[in-house]
Structures are given as C-alpha cells and as structure tokens.
Amino acid sequence: MRRATKVRIYPTDEQAAFLNAQFGAVRFAYNKALHIQRHMFKRHGISLKPKRDLKPMLAVAKNRANTAG
C-alpha cells in the first residue's frame, strides 16, 4: 500500500513567482517531448526512448525557444 502526506504551503510572492516559472518550464518540456514523440511515431513510425532520444532533442528545443523570444 502506498502512503502519501499532503502538506499545504504558503509561499511568499517571490517564492510563488519562482514556483510558477518552474512549473511553466516543466510543462513546456513535457508538452514538447510529447509532441516530438507523437510526430516521430505518426510520420516515421519511430518510437523514441526518453533518455537516449528525447532528452537531447529537448535541449535543442529549449535553446530555440530561448533565442526566439
């Protein structure tokens, strides 16, 4: 049986802004990885491994997003 502990936090405005930025970055990475994986499978029939194949592609996508705006 798995157990969990729920803890409520009350971040300051600065901490809340930091957490929102982190969650946004994680959401971007997850959605981009999912998009790449689905695209490669639909168009090319290739199944990508997360660590070996997707991680380097995410680094490229992150750099492109940073330079684009």
PDB file of N, CA and C in Angstrom:
ATOM      1  N   MET A   1       0.836  -1.169   0.000  1.00  0.00           N
ATOM      2  CA  MET A   1       0.000   0.000   0.000  1.00  0.00           C
ATOM      3  C   MET A   1       0.892   1.248   0.000  1.00  0.00           C
ATOM      4  N   ARG A   2       0.549   2.200  -0.848  1.00  0.00           N
ATOM      5  CA  ARG A   2       1.302   3.454  -0.896  1.00  0.00           C
ATOM      6  C   ARG A   2       0.674   4.455   0.060  1.00  0.00           C
ATOM      7  N   ARG A   3       1.535   5.225   0.678  1.00  0.00           N
ATOM      8  CA  ARG A   3       1.054   6.257   1.582  1.00  0.00           C
ATOM      9  C   ARG A   3       1.567   7.604   1.113  1.00  0.00           C
ATOM     10  N   ALA A   4       0.797   8.600   1.376  1.00  0.00           N
ATOM     11  CA  ALA A   4       1.194   9.948   0.983  1.00  0.00           C
ATOM     12  C   ALA A   4       0.901  10.914   2.118  1.00  0.00           C
ATOM     13  N   THR A   5       1.686  11.949   2.161  1.00  0.00           N
ATOM     14  CA  THR A   5       1.461  13.021   3.114  1.00  0.00           C
ATOM     15  C   THR A   5       1.218  14.295   2.328  1.00  0.00           C
ATOM     16  N   LYS A   6       0.112  14.936   2.591  1.00  0.00           N
ATOM     17  CA  LYS A   6      -0.187  16.193   1.922  1.00  0.00           C
ATOM     18  C   LYS A   6       0.178  17.332   2.864  1.00  0.00           C
ATOM     19  N   VAL A   7       0.917  18.274   2.319  1.00  0.00           N
ATOM     20  CA  VAL A   7       1.351  19.418   3.104  1.00  0.00           C
ATOM     21  C   VAL A   7       0.947  20.674   2.355  1.00  0.00           C
ATOM     22  N   ARG A   8       0.333  21.587   3.023  1.00  0.00           N
ATOM     23  CA  ARG A   8      -0.047  22.854   2.396  1.00  0.00           C
ATOM     24  C   ARG A   8       1.063  23.865   2.632  1.00  0.00           C
ATOM     25  N   ILE A   9       1.409  24.589   1.586  1.00  0.00           N
ATOM     26  CA  ILE A   9       2.454  25.598   1.726  1.00  0.00           C
ATOM     27  C   ILE A   9       1.853  26.977   1.474  1.00  0.00           C
ATOM     28  N   TYR A  10       2.468  27.964   2.051  1.00  0.00           N
ATOM     29  CA  TYR A  10       2.044  29.347   1.892  1.00  0.00           C
ATOM     30  C   TYR A  10       3.249  30.160   1.441  1.00  0.00           C
ATOM     31  N   PRO A  11       3.543  30.121   0.137  1.00  0.00           N
ATOM     32  CA  PRO A  11       4.739  30.812  -0.345  1.00  0.00           C
ATOM     33  C   PRO A  11       4.553  32.332  -0.363  1.00  0.00           C
ATOM     34  N   THR A  12       5.678  33.025  -0.244  1.00  0.00           N
ATOM     35  CA  THR A  12       5.661  34.474  -0.411  1.00  0.00           C
ATOM     36  C   THR A  12       5.431  34.776  -1.891  1.00  0.00           C
ATOM     37  N   ASP A  13       5.227  36.035  -2.217  1.00  0.00           N
ATOM     38  CA  ASP A  13       5.017  36.406  -3.621  1.00  0.00           C
ATOM     39  C   ASP A  13       6.226  36.042  -4.470  1.00  0.00           C
ATOM     40  N   GLU A  14       7.414  36.248  -3.935  1.00  0.00           N
ATOM     41  CA  GLU A  14       8.646  35.914  -4.663  1.00  0.00           C
ATOM     42  C   GLU A  14       8.753  34.408  -4.889  1.00  0.00           C
ATOM     43  N   GLN A  15       8.459  33.630  -3.867  1.00  0.00           N
ATOM     44  CA  GLN A  15       8.508  32.177  -3.989  1.00  0.00           C
ATOM     45  C   GLN A  15       7.433  31.671  -4.950  1.00  0.00           C
ATOM     46  N   ALA A  16       6.255  32.279  -4.912  1.00  0.00           N
ATOM     47  CA  ALA A  16       5.175  31.871  -5.815  1.00  0.00           C
ATOM     48  C   ALA A  16       5.561  32.140  -7.266  1.00  0.00           C
ATOM     49  N   ALA A  17       6.208  33.275  -7.515  1.00  0.00           N
ATOM     50  CA  ALA A  17       6.656  33.590  -8.874  1.00  0.00           C
ATOM     51  C   ALA A  17       7.696  32.578  -9.339  1.00  0.00           C
ATOM     52  N   PHE A  18       8.618  32.210  -8.451  1.00  0.00           N
ATOM     53  CA  PHE A  18       9.638  31.214  -8.785  1.00  0.00           C
ATOM     54  C   PHE A  18       8.997  29.865  -9.093  1.00  0.00           C
ATOM     55  N   LEU A  19       8.072  29.431  -8.255  1.00  0.00           N
ATOM     56  CA  LEU A  19       7.401  28.145  -8.470  1.00  0.00           C
ATOM     57  C   LEU A  19       6.608  28.149  -9.774  1.00  0.00           C
ATOM     58  N   ASN A  20       5.934  29.248 -10.076  1.00  0.00           N
ATOM     59  CA  ASN A  20       5.183  29.335 -11.334  1.00  0.00           C
ATOM     60  C   ASN A  20       6.113  29.237 -12.530  1.00  0.00           C
ATOM     61  N   ALA A  21       7.289  29.850 -12.448  1.00  0.00           N
ATOM     62  CA  ALA A  21       8.258  29.758 -13.542  1.00  0.00           C
ATOM     63  C   ALA A  21       8.751  28.322 -13.705  1.00  0.00           C
ATOM     64  N   GLN A  22       9.014  27.646 -12.591  1.00  0.00           N
ATOM     65  CA  GLN A  22       9.478  26.262 -12.650  1.00  0.00           C
ATOM     66  C   GLN A  22       8.411  25.347 -13.240  1.00  0.00           C
ATOM     67  N   PHE A  23       7.176  25.507 -12.789  1.00  0.00           N
ATOM     68  CA  PHE A  23       6.091  24.673 -13.306  1.00  0.00           C
ATOM     69  C   PHE A  23       5.863  24.942 -14.787  1.00  0.00           C
ATOM     70  N   GLY A  24       6.019  26.186 -15.205  1.00  0.00           N
ATOM     71  CA  GLY A  24       5.884  26.520 -16.620  1.00  0.00           C
ATOM     72  C   GLY A  24       6.949  25.846 -17.458  1.00  0.00           C
ATOM     73  N   ALA A  25       8.186  25.812 -16.949  1.00  0.00           N
ATOM     74  CA  ALA A  25       9.283  25.169 -17.677  1.00  0.00           C
ATOM     75  C   ALA A  25       9.057  23.659 -17.777  1.00  0.00           C
ATOM     76  N   VAL A  26       8.582  23.066 -16.707  1.00  0.00           N
ATOM     77  CA  VAL A  26       8.309  21.624 -16.711  1.00  0.00           C
ATOM     78  C   VAL A  26       7.173  21.307 -17.679  1.00  0.00           C
ATOM     79  N   ARG A  27       6.144  22.143 -17.676  1.00  0.00           N
ATOM     80  CA  ARG A  27       5.014  21.953 -18.590  1.00  0.00           C
ATOM     81  C   ARG A  27       5.473  22.073 -20.046  1.00  0.00           C
ATOM     82  N   PHE A  28       6.339  23.048 -20.336  1.00  0.00           N
ATOM     83  CA  PHE A  28       6.882  23.218 -21.683  1.00  0.00           C
ATOM     84  C   PHE A  28       7.655  21.973 -22.106  1.00  0.00           C
ATOM     85  N   ALA A  29       8.530  21.479 -21.230  1.00  0.00           N
ATOM     86  CA  ALA A  29       9.358  20.317 -21.566  1.00  0.00           C
ATOM     87  C   ALA A  29       8.492  19.080 -21.804  1.00  0.00           C
ATOM     88  N   TYR A  30       7.510  18.849 -20.951  1.00  0.00           N
ATOM     89  CA  TYR A  30       6.641  17.682 -21.105  1.00  0.00           C
ATOM     90  C   TYR A  30       5.857  17.758 -22.415  1.00  0.00           C
ATOM     91  N   ASN A  31       5.248  18.915 -22.675  1.00  0.00           N
ATOM     92  CA  ASN A  31       4.443  19.059 -23.891  1.00  0.00           C
ATOM     93  C   ASN A  31       5.299  18.954 -25.145  1.00  0.00           C
ATOM     94  N   LYS A  32       6.506  19.510 -25.120  1.00  0.00           N
ATOM     95  CA  LYS A  32       7.394  19.443 -26.280  1.00  0.00           C
ATOM     96  C   LYS A  32       7.829  17.997 -26.517  1.00  0.00           C
ATOM     97  N   ALA A  33       8.182  17.281 -25.450  1.00  0.00           N
ATOM     98  CA  ALA A  33       8.590  15.881 -25.588  1.00  0.00           C
ATOM     99  C   ALA A  33       7.444  15.040 -26.142  1.00  0.00           C
ATOM    100  N   LEU A  34       6.244  15.282 -25.667  1.00  0.00           N
ATOM    101  CA  LEU A  34       5.082  14.547 -26.153  1.00  0.00           C
ATOM    102  C   LEU A  34       4.836  14.842 -27.630  1.00  0.00           C
ATOM    103  N   HIS A  35       4.968  16.104 -28.016  1.00  0.00           N
ATOM    104  CA  HIS A  35       4.787  16.489 -29.414  1.00  0.00           C
ATOM    105  C   HIS A  35       5.821  15.803 -30.314  1.00  0.00           C
ATOM    106  N   ILE A  36       7.082  15.839 -29.910  1.00  0.00           N
ATOM    107  CA  ILE A  36       8.153  15.218 -30.701  1.00  0.00           C
ATOM    108  C   ILE A  36       7.912  13.716 -30.830  1.00  0.00           C
ATOM    109  N   GLN A  37       7.572  13.083 -29.718  1.00  0.00           N
ATOM    110  CA  GLN A  37       7.374  11.634 -29.711  1.00  0.00           C
ATOM    111  C   GLN A  37       6.206  11.238 -30.618  1.00  0.00           C
ATOM    112  N   ARG A  38       5.103  11.955 -30.524  1.00  0.00           N
ATOM    113  CA  ARG A  38       3.942  11.641 -31.365  1.00  0.00           C
ATOM    114  C   ARG A  38       4.231  11.901 -32.836  1.00  0.00           C
ATOM    115  N   HIS A  39       4.907  13.004 -33.118  1.00  0.00           N
ATOM    116  CA  HIS A  39       5.237  13.350 -34.501  1.00  0.00           C
ATOM    117  C   HIS A  39       6.119  12.270 -35.132  1.00  0.00           C
ATOM    118  N   MET A  40       7.159  11.858 -34.433  1.00  0.00           N
ATOM    119  CA  MET A  40       8.079  10.859 -34.975  1.00  0.00           C
ATOM    120  C   MET A  40       7.371   9.529 -35.199  1.00  0.00           C
ATOM    121  N   PHE A  41       6.449   9.172 -34.319  1.00  0.00           N
ATOM    122  CA  PHE A  41       5.753   7.902 -34.488  1.00  0.00           C
ATOM    123  C   PHE A  41       4.746   7.976 -35.635  1.00  0.00           C
ATOM    124  N   LYS A  42       3.987   9.079 -35.714  1.00  0.00           N
ATOM    125  CA  LYS A  42       2.975   9.195 -36.772  1.00  0.00           C
ATOM    126  C   LYS A  42       3.606   9.311 -38.152  1.00  0.00           C
ATOM    127  N   ARG A  43       4.615  10.147 -38.281  1.00  0.00           N
ATOM    128  CA  ARG A  43       5.202  10.421 -39.595  1.00  0.00           C
ATOM    129  C   ARG A  43       6.209   9.375 -40.036  1.00  0.00           C
ATOM    130  N   HIS A  44       7.004   8.867 -39.088  1.00  0.00           N
ATOM    131  CA  HIS A  44       8.119   7.998 -39.453  1.00  0.00           C
ATOM    132  C   HIS A  44       8.031   6.591 -38.865  1.00  0.00           C
ATOM    133  N   GLY A  45       7.067   6.357 -37.966  1.00  0.00           N
ATOM    134  CA  GLY A  45       6.926   5.046 -37.354  1.00  0.00           C
ATOM    135  C   GLY A  45       8.050   4.708 -36.390  1.00  0.00           C
ATOM    136  N   ILE A  46       8.712   5.739 -35.870  1.00  0.00           N
ATOM    137  CA  ILE A  46       9.849   5.539 -34.971  1.00  0.00           C
ATOM    138  C   ILE A  46       9.399   5.789 -33.536  1.00  0.00           C
ATOM    139  N   SER A  47       9.706   4.840 -32.656  1.00  0.00           N
ATOM    140  CA  SER A  47       9.426   5.006 -31.238  1.00  0.00           C
ATOM    141  C   SER A  47      10.700   5.494 -30.550  1.00  0.00           C
ATOM    142  N   LEU A  48      10.612   6.623 -29.869  1.00  0.00           N
ATOM    143  CA  LEU A  48      11.785   7.229 -29.240  1.00  0.00           C
ATOM    144  C   LEU A  48      11.888   6.845 -27.772  1.00  0.00           C
ATOM    145  N   LYS A  49      13.109   6.637 -27.312  1.00  0.00           N
ATOM    146  CA  LYS A  49      13.375   6.366 -25.901  1.00  0.00           C
ATOM    147  C   LYS A  49      13.552   7.707 -25.181  1.00  0.00           C
ATOM    148  N   PRO A  50      12.938   7.878 -24.017  1.00  0.00           N
ATOM    149  CA  PRO A  50      13.017   9.173 -23.336  1.00  0.00           C
ATOM    150  C   PRO A  50      14.438   9.645 -23.019  1.00  0.00           C
ATOM    151  N   LYS A  51      15.238   8.810 -22.401  1.00  0.00           N
ATOM    152  CA  LYS A  51      16.582   9.254 -22.005  1.00  0.00           C
ATOM    153  C   LYS A  51      17.511   9.399 -23.194  1.00  0.00           C
ATOM    154  N   ARG A  52      17.531   8.418 -24.052  1.00  0.00           N
ATOM    155  CA  ARG A  52      18.504   8.390 -25.141  1.00  0.00           C
ATOM    156  C   ARG A  52      18.144   9.343 -26.271  1.00  0.00           C
ATOM    157  N   ASP A  53      16.873   9.396 -26.646  1.00  0.00           N
ATOM    158  CA  ASP A  53      16.473  10.134 -27.838  1.00  0.00           C
ATOM    159  C   ASP A  53      15.830  11.488 -27.540  1.00  0.00           C
ATOM    160  N   LEU A  54      14.911  11.525 -26.583  1.00  0.00           N
ATOM    161  CA  LEU A  54      14.160  12.751 -26.347  1.00  0.00           C
ATOM    162  C   LEU A  54      14.941  13.809 -25.579  1.00  0.00           C
ATOM    163  N   LYS A  55      15.778  13.400 -24.650  1.00  0.00           N
ATOM    164  CA  LYS A  55      16.492  14.376 -23.824  1.00  0.00           C
ATOM    165  C   LYS A  55      17.361  15.319 -24.658  1.00  0.00           C
ATOM    166  N   PRO A  56      18.158  14.822 -25.617  1.00  0.00           N
ATOM    167  CA  PRO A  56      18.932  15.753 -26.453  1.00  0.00           C
ATOM    168  C   PRO A  56      18.042  16.655 -27.317  1.00  0.00           C
ATOM    169  N   MET A  57      16.913  16.132 -27.789  1.00  0.00           N
ATOM    170  CA  MET A  57      16.005  16.944 -28.596  1.00  0.00           C
ATOM    171  C   MET A  57      15.377  18.059 -27.770  1.00  0.00           C
ATOM    172  N   LEU A  58      15.114  17.785 -26.495  1.00  0.00           N
ATOM    173  CA  LEU A  58      14.548  18.816 -25.627  1.00  0.00           C
ATOM    174  C   LEU A  58      15.543  19.943 -25.386  1.00  0.00           C
ATOM    175  N   ALA A  59      16.824  19.603 -25.306  1.00  0.00           N
ATOM    176  CA  ALA A  59      17.843  20.637 -25.132  1.00  0.00           C
ATOM    177  C   ALA A  59      17.857  21.572 -26.336  1.00  0.00           C
ATOM    178  N   VAL A  60      17.739  21.016 -27.524  1.00  0.00           N
ATOM    179  CA  VAL A  60      17.697  21.831 -28.746  1.00  0.00           C
ATOM    180  C   VAL A  60      16.435  22.690 -28.754  1.00  0.00           C
ATOM    181  N   ALA A  61      15.300  22.111 -28.398  1.00  0.00           N
ATOM    182  CA  ALA A  61      14.038  22.857 -28.383  1.00  0.00           C
ATOM    183  C   ALA A  61      14.097  23.998 -27.368  1.00  0.00           C
ATOM    184  N   LYS A  62      14.723  23.751 -26.228  1.00  0.00           N
ATOM    185  CA  LYS A  62      14.846  24.787 -25.203  1.00  0.00           C
ATOM    186  C   LYS A  62      15.698  25.943 -25.713  1.00  0.00           C
ATOM    187  N   ASN A  63      16.811  25.631 -26.374  1.00  0.00           N
ATOM    188  CA  ASN A  63      17.672  26.682 -26.913  1.00  0.00           C
ATOM    189  C   ASN A  63      16.949  27.488 -27.985  1.00  0.00           C
ATOM    190  N   ARG A  64      16.182  26.819 -28.819  1.00  0.00           N
ATOM    191  CA  ARG A  64      15.420  27.527 -29.858  1.00  0.00           C
ATOM    192  C   ARG A  64      14.368  28.436 -29.237  1.00  0.00           C
ATOM    193  N   ALA A  65      13.710  27.970 -28.189  1.00  0.00           N
ATOM    194  CA  ALA A  65      12.682  28.779 -27.529  1.00  0.00           C
ATOM    195  C   ALA A  65      13.309  29.998 -26.853  1.00  0.00           C
ATOM    196  N   ASN A  66      14.501  29.829 -26.282  1.00  0.00           N
ATOM    197  CA  ASN A  66      15.169  30.948 -25.616  1.00  0.00           C
ATOM    198  C   ASN A  66      15.631  32.000 -26.612  1.00  0.00           C
ATOM    199  N   THR A  67      16.100  31.584 -27.774  1.00  0.00           N
ATOM    200  CA  THR A  67      16.585  32.544 -28.760  1.00  0.00           C
ATOM    201  C   THR A  67      15.441  33.181 -29.541  1.00  0.00           C
ATOM    202  N   ALA A  68      14.304  32.500 -29.603  1.00  0.00           N
ATOM    203  CA  ALA A  68      13.175  33.025 -30.372  1.00  0.00           C
ATOM    204  C   ALA A  68      12.468  34.166 -29.645  1.00  0.00           C
ATOM    205  N   GLY A  69      12.528  34.151 -28.343  1.00  0.00           N
ATOM    206  CA  GLY A  69      11.812  35.249 -27.726  1.00  0.00           C
ATOM    207  C   GLY A  69      11.856  35.226 -26.271  1.00  0.00           C
TER     208      GLY A  69
END
